[in-house]
């Protein structure tokens, strides 16, 4: 899926699921869903893969989004069937612009970076 298609589909789904749109840019958009403020952007990264980056914060900006918040946003944007990654880098590479924002990354090229840790058992 090309960048424009990803953004069009995600915008339509967030509205269909009860969200509302904010500012739109060429590479992404701002939207609001439930009590969350979300920025979605898409770009080709150094690994030559197209990545979807989802930043989310609670609109009150007084606490981090919950696991369920992140799961709901991923679903509302139409990425139910995709792997999403939350990154915990080494401390010397840690970046924290806002203490109440979390991020998800999804490889739009359908590449799965992680092995199946369940080993086919549906359990860890």
PDB file of N, CA and C in Angstrom:
ATOM      1  N   UNK A   1       0.843  -1.168   0.000  1.00  0.00           N
ATOM      2  CA  UNK A   1       0.000   0.000   0.000  1.00  0.00           C
ATOM      3  C   UNK A   1       0.896   1.241   0.000  1.00  0.00           C
ATOM      4  N   UNK A   2       0.619   2.190  -0.838  1.00  0.00           N
ATOM      5  CA  UNK A   2       1.417   3.410  -0.873  1.00  0.00           C
ATOM      6  C   UNK A   2       0.970   4.364   0.228  1.00  0.00           C
ATOM      7  N   UNK A   3       1.815   5.337   0.501  1.00  0.00           N
ATOM      8  CA  UNK A   3       1.580   6.268   1.606  1.00  0.00           C
ATOM      9  C   UNK A   3       0.189   6.893   1.525  1.00  0.00           C
ATOM     10  N   UNK A   4      -0.174   7.412   0.364  1.00  0.00           N
ATOM     11  CA  UNK A   4      -1.467   8.098   0.223  1.00  0.00           C
ATOM     12  C   UNK A   4      -2.631   7.160   0.526  1.00  0.00           C
ATOM     13  N   UNK A   5      -2.550   5.925   0.060  1.00  0.00           N
ATOM     14  CA  UNK A   5      -3.625   4.957   0.305  1.00  0.00           C
ATOM     15  C   UNK A   5      -3.756   4.648   1.790  1.00  0.00           C
ATOM     16  N   UNK A   6      -2.629   4.453   2.451  1.00  0.00           N
ATOM     17  CA  UNK A   6      -2.641   4.163   3.888  1.00  0.00           C
ATOM     18  C   UNK A   6      -3.325   5.302   4.640  1.00  0.00           C
ATOM     19  N   UNK A   7      -2.962   6.526   4.305  1.00  0.00           N
ATOM     20  CA  UNK A   7      -3.523   7.681   5.000  1.00  0.00           C
ATOM     21  C   UNK A   7      -5.011   7.844   4.715  1.00  0.00           C
ATOM     22  N   UNK A   8      -5.437   7.644   3.474  1.00  0.00           N
ATOM     23  CA  UNK A   8      -6.854   7.772   3.120  1.00  0.00           C
ATOM     24  C   UNK A   8      -7.689   6.745   3.872  1.00  0.00           C
ATOM     25  N   UNK A   9      -7.250   5.498   3.860  1.00  0.00           N
ATOM     26  CA  UNK A   9      -7.993   4.425   4.535  1.00  0.00           C
ATOM     27  C   UNK A   9      -8.040   4.671   6.038  1.00  0.00           C
ATOM     28  N   UNK A  10      -6.907   5.045   6.641  1.00  0.00           N
ATOM     29  CA  UNK A  10      -6.865   5.283   8.091  1.00  0.00           C
ATOM     30  C   UNK A  10      -7.756   6.448   8.496  1.00  0.00           C
ATOM     31  N   UNK A  11      -7.760   7.531   7.700  1.00  0.00           N
ATOM     32  CA  UNK A  11      -8.627   8.679   8.001  1.00  0.00           C
ATOM     33  C   UNK A  11     -10.097   8.258   7.957  1.00  0.00           C
ATOM     34  N   UNK A  12     -10.463   7.523   6.928  1.00  0.00           N
ATOM     35  CA  UNK A  12     -11.863   7.084   6.785  1.00  0.00           C
ATOM     36  C   UNK A  12     -12.276   6.195   7.945  1.00  0.00           C
ATOM     37  N   UNK A  13     -11.392   5.284   8.351  1.00  0.00           N
ATOM     38  CA  UNK A  13     -11.736   4.356   9.431  1.00  0.00           C
ATOM     39  C   UNK A  13     -11.843   5.056  10.780  1.00  0.00           C
ATOM     40  N   UNK A  14     -10.964   6.015  11.056  1.00  0.00           N
ATOM     41  CA  UNK A  14     -11.043   6.694  12.355  1.00  0.00           C
ATOM     42  C   UNK A  14     -12.354   7.473  12.444  1.00  0.00           C
ATOM     43  N   UNK A  15     -12.787   8.081  11.341  1.00  0.00           N
ATOM     44  CA  UNK A  15     -14.064   8.804  11.339  1.00  0.00           C
ATOM     45  C   UNK A  15     -15.223   7.826  11.480  1.00  0.00           C
ATOM     46  N   UNK A  16     -15.172   6.729  10.735  1.00  0.00           N
ATOM     47  CA  UNK A  16     -16.219   5.707  10.819  1.00  0.00           C
ATOM     48  C   UNK A  16     -16.345   5.163  12.241  1.00  0.00           C
ATOM     49  N   UNK A  17     -15.219   5.069  12.946  1.00  0.00           N
ATOM     50  CA  UNK A  17     -15.221   4.531  14.306  1.00  0.00           C
ATOM     51  C   UNK A  17     -15.455   5.587  15.382  1.00  0.00           C
ATOM     52  N   UNK A  18     -15.902   6.780  14.981  1.00  0.00           N
ATOM     53  CA  UNK A  18     -16.296   7.792  15.956  1.00  0.00           C
ATOM     54  C   UNK A  18     -15.263   8.849  16.256  1.00  0.00           C
ATOM     55  N   UNK A  19     -14.140   8.842  15.560  1.00  0.00           N
ATOM     56  CA  UNK A  19     -13.112   9.851  15.788  1.00  0.00           C
ATOM     57  C   UNK A  19     -13.387  11.099  14.973  1.00  0.00           C
ATOM     58  N   UNK A  20     -12.540  12.096  15.163  1.00  0.00           N
ATOM     59  CA  UNK A  20     -12.666  13.304  14.346  1.00  0.00           C
ATOM     60  C   UNK A  20     -11.276  13.747  13.911  1.00  0.00           C
ATOM     61  N   UNK A  21     -11.241  14.386  12.759  1.00  0.00           N
ATOM     62  CA  UNK A  21      -9.975  14.782  12.158  1.00  0.00           C
ATOM     63  C   UNK A  21      -9.503  16.130  12.689  1.00  0.00           C
ATOM     64  N   UNK A  22      -8.183  16.266  12.718  1.00  0.00           N
ATOM     65  CA  UNK A  22      -7.532  17.537  13.012  1.00  0.00           C
ATOM     66  C   UNK A  22      -6.754  17.948  11.772  1.00  0.00           C
ATOM     67  N   UNK A  23      -5.591  18.492  11.966  1.00  0.00           N
ATOM     68  CA  UNK A  23      -4.744  18.965  10.872  1.00  0.00           C
ATOM     69  C   UNK A  23      -4.246  17.800  10.011  1.00  0.00           C
ATOM     70  N   UNK A  24      -4.210  18.002   8.698  1.00  0.00           N
ATOM     71  CA  UNK A  24      -3.683  17.007   7.756  1.00  0.00           C
ATOM     72  C   UNK A  24      -2.441  17.568   7.089  1.00  0.00           C
ATOM     73  N   UNK A  25      -1.440  16.710   6.909  1.00  0.00           N
ATOM     74  CA  UNK A  25      -0.230  17.068   6.173  1.00  0.00           C
ATOM     75  C   UNK A  25      -0.008  16.020   5.095  1.00  0.00           C
ATOM     76  N   UNK A  26       0.981  16.234   4.259  1.00  0.00           N
ATOM     77  CA  UNK A  26       1.258  15.295   3.172  1.00  0.00           C
ATOM     78  C   UNK A  26       1.629  13.904   3.706  1.00  0.00           C
ATOM     79  N   UNK A  27       2.384  13.859   4.795  1.00  0.00           N
ATOM     80  CA  UNK A  27       2.875  12.579   5.307  1.00  0.00           C
ATOM     81  C   UNK A  27       2.075  12.037   6.489  1.00  0.00           C
ATOM     82  N   UNK A  28       0.973  12.710   6.869  1.00  0.00           N
ATOM     83  CA  UNK A  28       0.217  12.207   7.998  1.00  0.00           C
ATOM     84  C   UNK A  28      -0.902  13.135   8.418  1.00  0.00           C
ATOM     85  N   UNK A  29      -1.464  12.835   9.593  1.00  0.00           N
ATOM     86  CA  UNK A  29      -2.585  13.636  10.088  1.00  0.00           C
ATOM     87  C   UNK A  29      -2.697  13.540  11.600  1.00  0.00           C
ATOM     88  N   UNK A  30      -3.406  14.516  12.143  1.00  0.00           N
ATOM     89  CA  UNK A  30      -3.755  14.561  13.554  1.00  0.00           C
ATOM     90  C   UNK A  30      -5.232  14.191  13.649  1.00  0.00           C
ATOM     91  N   UNK A  31      -5.592  13.381  14.636  1.00  0.00           N
ATOM     92  CA  UNK A  31      -7.004  13.073  14.849  1.00  0.00           C
ATOM     93  C   UNK A  31      -7.258  12.865  16.331  1.00  0.00           C
ATOM     94  N   UNK A  32      -8.536  12.794  16.665  1.00  0.00           N
ATOM     95  CA  UNK A  32      -8.958  12.597  18.046  1.00  0.00           C
ATOM     96  C   UNK A  32      -9.903  11.417  18.076  1.00  0.00           C
ATOM     97  N   UNK A  33      -9.675  10.512  19.036  1.00  0.00           N
ATOM     98  CA  UNK A  33     -10.491   9.311  19.156  1.00  0.00           C
ATOM     99  C   UNK A  33     -10.686   9.030  20.641  1.00  0.00           C
ATOM    100  N   UNK A  34     -11.953   8.953  21.052  1.00  0.00           N
ATOM    101  CA  UNK A  34     -12.275   8.807  22.475  1.00  0.00           C
ATOM    102  C   UNK A  34     -11.571   9.922  23.239  1.00  0.00           C
ATOM    103  N   UNK A  35     -10.768   9.603  24.232  1.00  0.00           N
ATOM    104  CA  UNK A  35     -10.057  10.625  25.008  1.00  0.00           C
ATOM    105  C   UNK A  35      -8.592  10.742  24.592  1.00  0.00           C
ATOM    106  N   UNK A  36      -8.318  10.435  23.327  1.00  0.00           N
ATOM    107  CA  UNK A  36      -6.943  10.395  22.850  1.00  0.00           C
ATOM    108  C   UNK A  36      -6.695  11.374  21.712  1.00  0.00           C
ATOM    109  N   UNK A  37      -5.509  11.935  21.704  1.00  0.00           N
ATOM    110  CA  UNK A  37      -5.021  12.735  20.583  1.00  0.00           C
ATOM    111  C   UNK A  37      -3.989  11.871  19.880  1.00  0.00           C
ATOM    112  N   UNK A  38      -4.105  11.730  18.557  1.00  0.00           N
ATOM    113  CA  UNK A  38      -3.297  10.782  17.792  1.00  0.00           C
ATOM    114  C   UNK A  38      -2.664  11.485  16.606  1.00  0.00           C
ATOM    115  N   UNK A  39      -1.397  11.195  16.359  1.00  0.00           N
ATOM    116  CA  UNK A  39      -0.738  11.624  15.134  1.00  0.00           C
ATOM    117  C   UNK A  39      -0.335  10.357  14.389  1.00  0.00           C
ATOM    118  N   UNK A  40      -0.725  10.281  13.121  1.00  0.00           N
ATOM    119  CA  UNK A  40      -0.364   9.153  12.261  1.00  0.00           C
ATOM    120  C   UNK A  40       0.495   9.702  11.137  1.00  0.00           C
ATOM    121  N   UNK A  41       1.656   9.100  10.912  1.00  0.00           N
ATOM    122  CA  UNK A  41       2.496   9.492   9.788  1.00  0.00           C
ATOM    123  C   UNK A  41       3.040   8.233   9.129  1.00  0.00           C
ATOM    124  N   UNK A  42       3.418   8.376   7.874  1.00  0.00           N
ATOM    125  CA  UNK A  42       3.941   7.252   7.095  1.00  0.00           C
ATOM    126  C   UNK A  42       5.189   7.724   6.370  1.00  0.00           C
ATOM    127  N   UNK A  43       6.260   6.920   6.432  1.00  0.00           N
ATOM    128  CA  UNK A  43       7.486   7.303   5.730  1.00  0.00           C
ATOM    129  C   UNK A  43       8.331   6.080   5.389  1.00  0.00           C
ATOM    130  N   UNK A  44       9.145   6.229   4.372  1.00  0.00           N
ATOM    131  CA  UNK A  44      10.132   5.216   4.003  1.00  0.00           C
ATOM    132  C   UNK A  44      11.344   5.457   4.889  1.00  0.00           C
ATOM    133  N   UNK A  45      11.769   4.416   5.604  1.00  0.00           N
ATOM    134  CA  UNK A  45      12.878   4.562   6.553  1.00  0.00           C
ATOM    135  C   UNK A  45      14.182   4.003   5.971  1.00  0.00           C
ATOM    136  N   UNK A  46      15.258   4.074   6.741  1.00  0.00           N
ATOM    137  CA  UNK A  46      16.584   3.656   6.271  1.00  0.00           C
ATOM    138  C   UNK A  46      16.663   2.170   5.932  1.00  0.00           C
ATOM    139  N   UNK A  47      15.744   1.362   6.470  1.00  0.00           N
ATOM    140  CA  UNK A  47      15.723  -0.073   6.138  1.00  0.00           C
ATOM    141  C   UNK A  47      15.020  -0.320   4.803  1.00  0.00           C
ATOM    142  N   UNK A  48      14.643   0.771   4.113  1.00  0.00           N
ATOM    143  CA  UNK A  48      13.946   0.736   2.823  1.00  0.00           C
ATOM    144  C   UNK A  48      12.529   0.187   2.931  1.00  0.00           C
ATOM    145  N   UNK A  49      11.986   0.171   4.130  1.00  0.00           N
ATOM    146  CA  UNK A  49      10.619  -0.266   4.368  1.00  0.00           C
ATOM    147  C   UNK A  49       9.754   0.963   4.659  1.00  0.00           C
ATOM    148  N   UNK A  50       8.477   0.855   4.330  1.00  0.00           N
ATOM    149  CA  UNK A  50       7.530   1.912   4.645  1.00  0.00           C
ATOM    150  C   UNK A  50       6.940   1.634   6.022  1.00  0.00           C
ATOM    151  N   UNK A  51       7.072   2.608   6.931  1.00  0.00           N
ATOM    152  CA  UNK A  51       6.620   2.437   8.304  1.00  0.00           C
ATOM    153  C   UNK A  51       5.520   3.438   8.633  1.00  0.00           C
ATOM    154  N   UNK A  52       4.511   2.949   9.342  1.00  0.00           N
ATOM    155  CA  UNK A  52       3.440   3.773   9.875  1.00  0.00           C
ATOM    156  C   UNK A  52       3.808   4.060  11.324  1.00  0.00           C
ATOM    157  N   UNK A  53       3.813   5.326  11.698  1.00  0.00           N
ATOM    158  CA  UNK A  53       4.150   5.729  13.055  1.00  0.00           C
ATOM    159  C   UNK A  53       2.899   6.330  13.687  1.00  0.00           C
ATOM    160  N   UNK A  54       2.496   5.778  14.809  1.00  0.00           N
ATOM    161  CA  UNK A  54       1.326   6.263  15.536  1.00  0.00           C
ATOM    162  C   UNK A  54       1.800   6.792  16.891  1.00  0.00           C
ATOM    163  N   UNK A  55       1.579   8.075  17.136  1.00  0.00           N
ATOM    164  CA  UNK A  55       1.865   8.698  18.439  1.00  0.00           C
ATOM    165  C   UNK A  55       0.529   8.954  19.103  1.00  0.00           C
ATOM    166  N   UNK A  56       0.422   8.607  20.368  1.00  0.00           N
ATOM    167  CA  UNK A  56      -0.832   8.894  21.043  1.00  0.00           C
ATOM    168  C   UNK A  56      -0.613   9.366  22.470  1.00  0.00           C
ATOM    169  N   UNK A  57      -1.501  10.264  22.869  1.00  0.00           N
ATOM    170  CA  UNK A  57      -1.497  10.789  24.225  1.00  0.00           C
ATOM    171  C   UNK A  57      -2.944  10.973  24.652  1.00  0.00           C
ATOM    172  N   UNK A  58      -3.185  10.961  25.922  1.00  0.00           N
ATOM    173  CA  UNK A  58      -4.529  11.249  26.422  1.00  0.00           C
ATOM    174  C   UNK A  58      -4.752  12.757  26.322  1.00  0.00           C
ATOM    175  N   UNK A  59      -5.966  13.167  26.005  1.00  0.00           N
ATOM    176  CA  UNK A  59      -6.238  14.587  25.793  1.00  0.00           C
ATOM    177  C   UNK A  59      -6.012  15.422  27.050  1.00  0.00           C
ATOM    178  N   UNK A  60      -6.127  14.807  28.233  1.00  0.00           N
ATOM    179  CA  UNK A  60      -5.851  15.564  29.462  1.00  0.00           C
ATOM    180  C   UNK A  60      -4.353  15.708  29.716  1.00  0.00           C
ATOM    181  N   UNK A  61      -3.540  14.932  29.007  1.00  0.00           N
ATOM    182  CA  UNK A  61      -2.074  14.963  29.103  1.00  0.00           C
ATOM    183  C   UNK A  61      -1.573  14.860  30.542  1.00  0.00           C
ATOM    184  N   UNK A  62      -2.288  14.071  31.355  1.00  0.00           N
ATOM    185  CA  UNK A  62      -1.901  13.896  32.752  1.00  0.00           C
ATOM    186  C   UNK A  62      -1.492  12.463  33.064  1.00  0.00           C
ATOM    187  N   UNK A  63      -1.654  11.560  32.092  1.00  0.00           N
ATOM    188  CA  UNK A  63      -1.215  10.183  32.291  1.00  0.00           C
ATOM    189  C   UNK A  63      -0.938   9.546  30.939  1.00  0.00           C
ATOM    190  N   UNK A  64      -0.160   8.493  30.964  1.00  0.00           N
ATOM    191  CA  UNK A  64       0.149   7.770  29.733  1.00  0.00           C
ATOM    192  C   UNK A  64      -1.079   7.035  29.204  1.00  0.00           C
ATOM    193  N   UNK A  65      -1.156   6.847  27.889  1.00  0.00           N
ATOM    194  CA  UNK A  65      -2.207   5.985  27.348  1.00  0.00           C
ATOM    195  C   UNK A  65      -2.044   4.573  27.911  1.00  0.00           C
ATOM    196  N   UNK A  66      -3.139   3.872  28.065  1.00  0.00           N
ATOM    197  CA  UNK A  66      -3.104   2.500  28.572  1.00  0.00           C
ATOM    198  C   UNK A  66      -2.874   1.513  27.433  1.00  0.00           C
ATOM    199  N   UNK A  67      -2.632   0.271  27.794  1.00  0.00           N
ATOM    200  CA  UNK A  67      -2.525  -0.788  26.800  1.00  0.00           C
ATOM    201  C   UNK A  67      -3.804  -0.839  25.957  1.00  0.00           C
ATOM    202  N   UNK A  68      -4.961  -0.770  26.617  1.00  0.00           N
ATOM    203  CA  UNK A  68      -6.229  -0.809  25.883  1.00  0.00           C
ATOM    204  C   UNK A  68      -6.394   0.396  24.966  1.00  0.00           C
ATOM    205  N   UNK A  69      -5.922   1.571  25.384  1.00  0.00           N
ATOM    206  CA  UNK A  69      -5.939   2.745  24.502  1.00  0.00           C
ATOM    207  C   UNK A  69      -5.168   2.444  23.218  1.00  0.00           C
ATOM    208  N   UNK A  70      -3.980   1.890  23.380  1.00  0.00           N
ATOM    209  CA  UNK A  70      -3.122   1.611  22.217  1.00  0.00           C
ATOM    210  C   UNK A  70      -3.763   0.556  21.309  1.00  0.00           C
ATOM    211  N   UNK A  71      -4.321  -0.456  21.926  1.00  0.00           N
ATOM    212  CA  UNK A  71      -4.982  -1.519  21.163  1.00  0.00           C
ATOM    213  C   UNK A  71      -6.200  -0.973  20.418  1.00  0.00           C
ATOM    214  N   UNK A  72      -6.992  -0.127  21.079  1.00  0.00           N
ATOM    215  CA  UNK A  72      -8.188   0.458  20.457  1.00  0.00           C
ATOM    216  C   UNK A  72      -7.831   1.366  19.284  1.00  0.00           C
ATOM    217  N   UNK A  73      -6.784   2.167  19.439  1.00  0.00           N
ATOM    218  CA  UNK A  73      -6.369   3.060  18.362  1.00  0.00           C
ATOM    219  C   UNK A  73      -5.869   2.256  17.165  1.00  0.00           C
ATOM    220  N   UNK A  74      -5.066   1.252  17.416  1.00  0.00           N
ATOM    221  CA  UNK A  74      -4.570   0.380  16.336  1.00  0.00           C
ATOM    222  C   UNK A  74      -5.744  -0.203  15.557  1.00  0.00           C
ATOM    223  N   UNK A  75      -6.760  -0.635  16.261  1.00  0.00           N
ATOM    224  CA  UNK A  75      -7.944  -1.205  15.635  1.00  0.00           C
ATOM    225  C   UNK A  75      -8.762  -0.151  14.892  1.00  0.00           C
ATOM    226  N   UNK A  76      -8.991   0.992  15.531  1.00  0.00           N
ATOM    227  CA  UNK A  76      -9.798   2.056  14.922  1.00  0.00           C
ATOM    228  C   UNK A  76      -9.167   2.585  13.636  1.00  0.00           C
ATOM    229  N   UNK A  77      -7.833   2.514  13.541  1.00  0.00           N
ATOM    230  CA  UNK A  77      -7.137   2.962  12.343  1.00  0.00           C
ATOM    231  C   UNK A  77      -7.085   1.885  11.256  1.00  0.00           C
ATOM    232  N   UNK A  78      -7.570   0.682  11.577  1.00  0.00           N
ATOM    233  CA  UNK A  78      -7.637  -0.372  10.569  1.00  0.00           C
ATOM    234  C   UNK A  78      -6.444  -1.301  10.510  1.00  0.00           C
ATOM    235  N   UNK A  79      -5.674  -1.380  11.601  1.00  0.00           N
ATOM    236  CA  UNK A  79      -4.475  -2.209  11.589  1.00  0.00           C
ATOM    237  C   UNK A  79      -4.601  -3.461  12.454  1.00  0.00           C
ATOM    238  N   UNK A  80      -5.813  -3.991  12.586  1.00  0.00           N
ATOM    239  CA  UNK A  80      -6.056  -5.186  13.403  1.00  0.00           C
ATOM    240  C   UNK A  80      -5.201  -6.389  13.017  1.00  0.00           C
ATOM    241  N   UNK A  81      -4.931  -6.547  11.750  1.00  0.00           N
ATOM    242  CA  UNK A  81      -4.231  -7.752  11.289  1.00  0.00           C
ATOM    243  C   UNK A  81      -2.726  -7.542  11.155  1.00  0.00           C
ATOM    244  N   UNK A  82      -2.243  -6.388  11.585  1.00  0.00           N
ATOM    245  CA  UNK A  82      -0.818  -6.079  11.438  1.00  0.00           C
ATOM    246  C   UNK A  82      -0.086  -6.182  12.770  1.00  0.00           C
ATOM    247  N   UNK A  83       1.189  -6.524  12.705  1.00  0.00           N
ATOM    248  CA  UNK A  83       2.049  -6.452  13.881  1.00  0.00           C
ATOM    249  C   UNK A  83       2.371  -4.995  14.135  1.00  0.00           C
ATOM    250  N   UNK A  84       2.320  -4.577  15.387  1.00  0.00           N
ATOM    251  CA  UNK A  84       2.732  -3.228  15.768  1.00  0.00           C
ATOM    252  C   UNK A  84       3.821  -3.368  16.827  1.00  0.00           C
ATOM    253  N   UNK A  85       4.760  -2.449  16.796  1.00  0.00           N
ATOM    254  CA  UNK A  85       5.911  -2.531  17.682  1.00  0.00           C
ATOM    255  C   UNK A  85       6.004  -1.292  18.554  1.00  0.00           C
ATOM    256  N   UNK A  86       6.287  -1.520  19.827  1.00  0.00           N
ATOM    257  CA  UNK A  86       6.617  -0.440  20.751  1.00  0.00           C
ATOM    258  C   UNK A  86       8.092  -0.654  21.074  1.00  0.00           C
ATOM    259  N   UNK A  87       8.895   0.384  20.973  1.00  0.00           N
ATOM    260  CA  UNK A  87      10.350   0.247  21.057  1.00  0.00           C
ATOM    261  C   UNK A  87      10.861   0.692  22.425  1.00  0.00           C
ATOM    262  N   UNK A  88      11.730  -0.116  22.996  1.00  0.00           N
ATOM    263  CA  UNK A  88      12.436   0.224  24.231  1.00  0.00           C
ATOM    264  C   UNK A  88      13.927   0.196  23.901  1.00  0.00           C
ATOM    265  N   UNK A  89      14.483   1.334  23.474  1.00  0.00           N
ATOM    266  CA  UNK A  89      15.883   1.362  23.044  1.00  0.00           C
ATOM    267  C   UNK A  89      16.840   1.369  24.236  1.00  0.00           C
ATOM    268  N   UNK A  90      18.125   1.179  23.958  1.00  0.00           N
ATOM    269  CA  UNK A  90      19.113   1.358  25.025  1.00  0.00           C
ATOM    270  C   UNK A  90      19.000   2.781  25.587  1.00  0.00           C
ATOM    271  N   UNK A  91      19.310   2.939  26.846  1.00  0.00           N
ATOM    272  CA  UNK A  91      19.134   4.230  27.516  1.00  0.00           C
ATOM    273  C   UNK A  91      19.815   5.379  26.772  1.00  0.00           C
ATOM    274  N   UNK A  92      20.997   5.141  26.195  1.00  0.00           N
ATOM    275  CA  UNK A  92      21.702   6.234  25.508  1.00  0.00           C
ATOM    276  C   UNK A  92      21.038   6.617  24.180  1.00  0.00           C
ATOM    277  N   UNK A  93      20.059   5.852  23.699  1.00  0.00           N
ATOM    278  CA  UNK A  93      19.315   6.198  22.482  1.00  0.00           C
ATOM    279  C   UNK A  93      17.879   6.623  22.794  1.00  0.00           C
ATOM    280  N   UNK A  94      17.554   6.727  24.051  1.00  0.00           N
ATOM    281  CA  UNK A  94      16.191   7.045  24.458  1.00  0.00           C
ATOM    282  C   UNK A  94      15.852   8.490  24.116  1.00  0.00           C
ATOM    283  N   UNK A  95      14.683   8.694  23.533  1.00  0.00           N
ATOM    284  CA  UNK A  95      14.186  10.025  23.199  1.00  0.00           C
ATOM    285  C   UNK A  95      12.836  10.192  23.876  1.00  0.00           C
ATOM    286  N   UNK A  96      12.653  11.293  24.596  1.00  0.00           N
ATOM    287  CA  UNK A  96      11.379  11.545  25.256  1.00  0.00           C
ATOM    288  C   UNK A  96      11.041  13.021  25.117  1.00  0.00           C
ATOM    289  N   UNK A  97      10.260  13.344  24.104  1.00  0.00           N
ATOM    290  CA  UNK A  97       9.884  14.734  23.863  1.00  0.00           C
ATOM    291  C   UNK A  97       8.733  15.143  24.785  1.00  0.00           C
ATOM    292  N   UNK A  98       7.840  14.197  25.062  1.00  0.00           N
ATOM    293  CA  UNK A  98       6.701  14.470  25.944  1.00  0.00           C
ATOM    294  C   UNK A  98       6.467  13.243  26.819  1.00  0.00           C
ATOM    295  N   UNK A  99       6.426  13.423  28.124  1.00  0.00           N
ATOM    296  CA  UNK A  99       6.382  12.272  29.027  1.00  0.00           C
ATOM    297  C   UNK A  99       5.065  11.497  29.009  1.00  0.00           C
ATOM    298  N   UNK A 100       4.020  12.016  28.361  1.00  0.00           N
ATOM    299  CA  UNK A 100       2.744  11.303  28.317  1.00  0.00           C
ATOM    300  C   UNK A 100       2.359  10.839  26.910  1.00  0.00           C
ATOM    301  N   UNK A 101       3.350  10.645  26.050  1.00  0.00           N
ATOM    302  CA  UNK A 101       3.108  10.171  24.687  1.00  0.00           C
ATOM    303  C   UNK A 101       3.749   8.798  24.518  1.00  0.00           C
ATOM    304  N   UNK A 102       3.004   7.878  23.905  1.00  0.00           N
ATOM    305  CA  UNK A 102       3.538   6.566  23.535  1.00  0.00           C
ATOM    306  C   UNK A 102       3.463   6.418  22.022  1.00  0.00           C
ATOM    307  N   UNK A 103       4.240   5.469  21.493  1.00  0.00           N
ATOM    308  CA  UNK A 103       4.356   5.303  20.053  1.00  0.00           C
ATOM    309  C   UNK A 103       4.211   3.842  19.644  1.00  0.00           C
ATOM    310  N   UNK A 104       3.623   3.648  18.486  1.00  0.00           N
ATOM    311  CA  UNK A 104       3.579   2.339  17.842  1.00  0.00           C
ATOM    312  C   UNK A 104       4.131   2.487  16.434  1.00  0.00           C
ATOM    313  N   UNK A 105       4.810   1.463  15.960  1.00  0.00           N
ATOM    314  CA  UNK A 105       5.270   1.426  14.579  1.00  0.00           C
ATOM    315  C   UNK A 105       4.735   0.163  13.928  1.00  0.00           C
ATOM    316  N   UNK A 106       4.275   0.310  12.691  1.00  0.00           N
ATOM    317  CA  UNK A 106       3.745  -0.815  11.913  1.00  0.00           C
ATOM    318  C   UNK A 106       4.451  -0.798  10.561  1.00  0.00           C
ATOM    319  N   UNK A 107       4.997  -1.932  10.160  1.00  0.00           N
ATOM    320  CA  UNK A 107       5.635  -2.022   8.853  1.00  0.00           C
ATOM    321  C   UNK A 107       4.549  -2.198   7.795  1.00  0.00           C
ATOM    322  N   UNK A 108       4.390  -1.198   6.930  1.00  0.00           N
ATOM    323  CA  UNK A 108       3.349  -1.234   5.897  1.00  0.00           C
ATOM    324  C   UNK A 108       3.681  -2.226   4.789  1.00  0.00           C
ATOM    325  N   UNK A 109       4.917  -2.668   4.745  1.00  0.00           N
ATOM    326  CA  UNK A 109       5.330  -3.624   3.712  1.00  0.00           C
ATOM    327  C   UNK A 109       5.032  -5.066   4.105  1.00  0.00           C
ATOM    328  N   UNK A 110       4.231  -5.225   5.170  1.00  0.00           N
ATOM    329  CA  UNK A 110       3.778  -6.545   5.633  1.00  0.00           C
ATOM    330  C   UNK A 110       4.920  -7.446   6.087  1.00  0.00           C
ATOM    331  N   UNK A 111       6.026  -6.854   6.461  1.00  0.00           N
ATOM    332  CA  UNK A 111       7.161  -7.639   6.925  1.00  0.00           C
ATOM    333  C   UNK A 111       7.050  -7.819   8.426  1.00  0.00           C
ATOM    334  N   UNK A 112       7.204  -9.043   8.897  1.00  0.00           N
ATOM    335  CA  UNK A 112       7.151  -9.341  10.330  1.00  0.00           C
ATOM    336  C   UNK A 112       8.575  -9.485  10.845  1.00  0.00           C
ATOM    337  N   UNK A 113       9.017  -8.546  11.671  1.00  0.00           N
ATOM    338  CA  UNK A 113      10.373  -8.587  12.191  1.00  0.00           C
ATOM    339  C   UNK A 113      10.564  -9.596  13.313  1.00  0.00           C
ATOM    340  N   UNK A 114       9.515  -9.879  14.061  1.00  0.00           N
ATOM    341  CA  UNK A 114       9.640 -10.767  15.211  1.00  0.00           C
ATOM    342  C   UNK A 114       9.347 -12.218  14.836  1.00  0.00           C
ATOM    343  N   UNK A 115      10.064 -13.146  15.461  1.00  0.00           N
ATOM    344  CA  UNK A 115       9.712 -14.557  15.261  1.00  0.00           C
ATOM    345  C   UNK A 115       8.422 -14.886  16.010  1.00  0.00           C
ATOM    346  N   UNK A 116       7.848 -16.023  15.726  1.00  0.00           N
ATOM    347  CA  UNK A 116       6.656 -16.487  16.432  1.00  0.00           C
ATOM    348  C   UNK A 116       7.105 -17.096  17.760  1.00  0.00           C
ATOM    349  N   UNK A 117       7.077 -16.281  18.827  1.00  0.00           N
ATOM    350  CA  UNK A 117       7.529 -16.756  20.130  1.00  0.00           C
ATOM    351  C   UNK A 117       6.616 -17.827  20.715  1.00  0.00           C
ATOM    352  N   UNK A 118       5.410 -17.983  20.160  1.00  0.00           N
ATOM    353  CA  UNK A 118       4.512 -19.035  20.647  1.00  0.00           C
ATOM    354  C   UNK A 118       4.907 -20.401  20.104  1.00  0.00           C
ATOM    355  N   UNK A 119       5.767 -20.409  19.093  1.00  0.00           N
ATOM    356  CA  UNK A 119       6.184 -21.647  18.427  1.00  0.00           C
ATOM    357  C   UNK A 119       4.961 -22.424  17.941  1.00  0.00           C
ATOM    358  N   UNK A 120       3.928 -21.688  17.510  1.00  0.00           N
ATOM    359  CA  UNK A 120       2.728 -22.313  16.974  1.00  0.00           C
ATOM    360  C   UNK A 120       1.743 -22.790  18.016  1.00  0.00           C
ATOM    361  N   UNK A 121       2.008 -22.539  19.297  1.00  0.00           N
ATOM    362  CA  UNK A 121       1.164 -23.076  20.363  1.00  0.00           C
ATOM    363  C   UNK A 121       0.051 -22.109  20.810  1.00  0.00           C
ATOM    364  N   UNK A 122       0.056 -20.873  20.326  1.00  0.00           N
ATOM    365  CA  UNK A 122      -0.874 -19.825  20.764  1.00  0.00           C
ATOM    366  C   UNK A 122      -0.719 -19.488  22.247  1.00  0.00           C
ATOM    367  N   UNK A 123       0.440 -19.775  22.812  1.00  0.00           N
ATOM    368  CA  UNK A 123       0.743 -19.446  24.204  1.00  0.00           C
ATOM    369  C   UNK A 123       2.229 -19.136  24.310  1.00  0.00           C
ATOM    370  N   UNK A 124       2.575 -18.335  25.295  1.00  0.00           N
ATOM    371  CA  UNK A 124       3.998 -18.022  25.479  1.00  0.00           C
ATOM    372  C   UNK A 124       4.537 -18.796  26.660  1.00  0.00           C
TER     373      UNK A 124
END
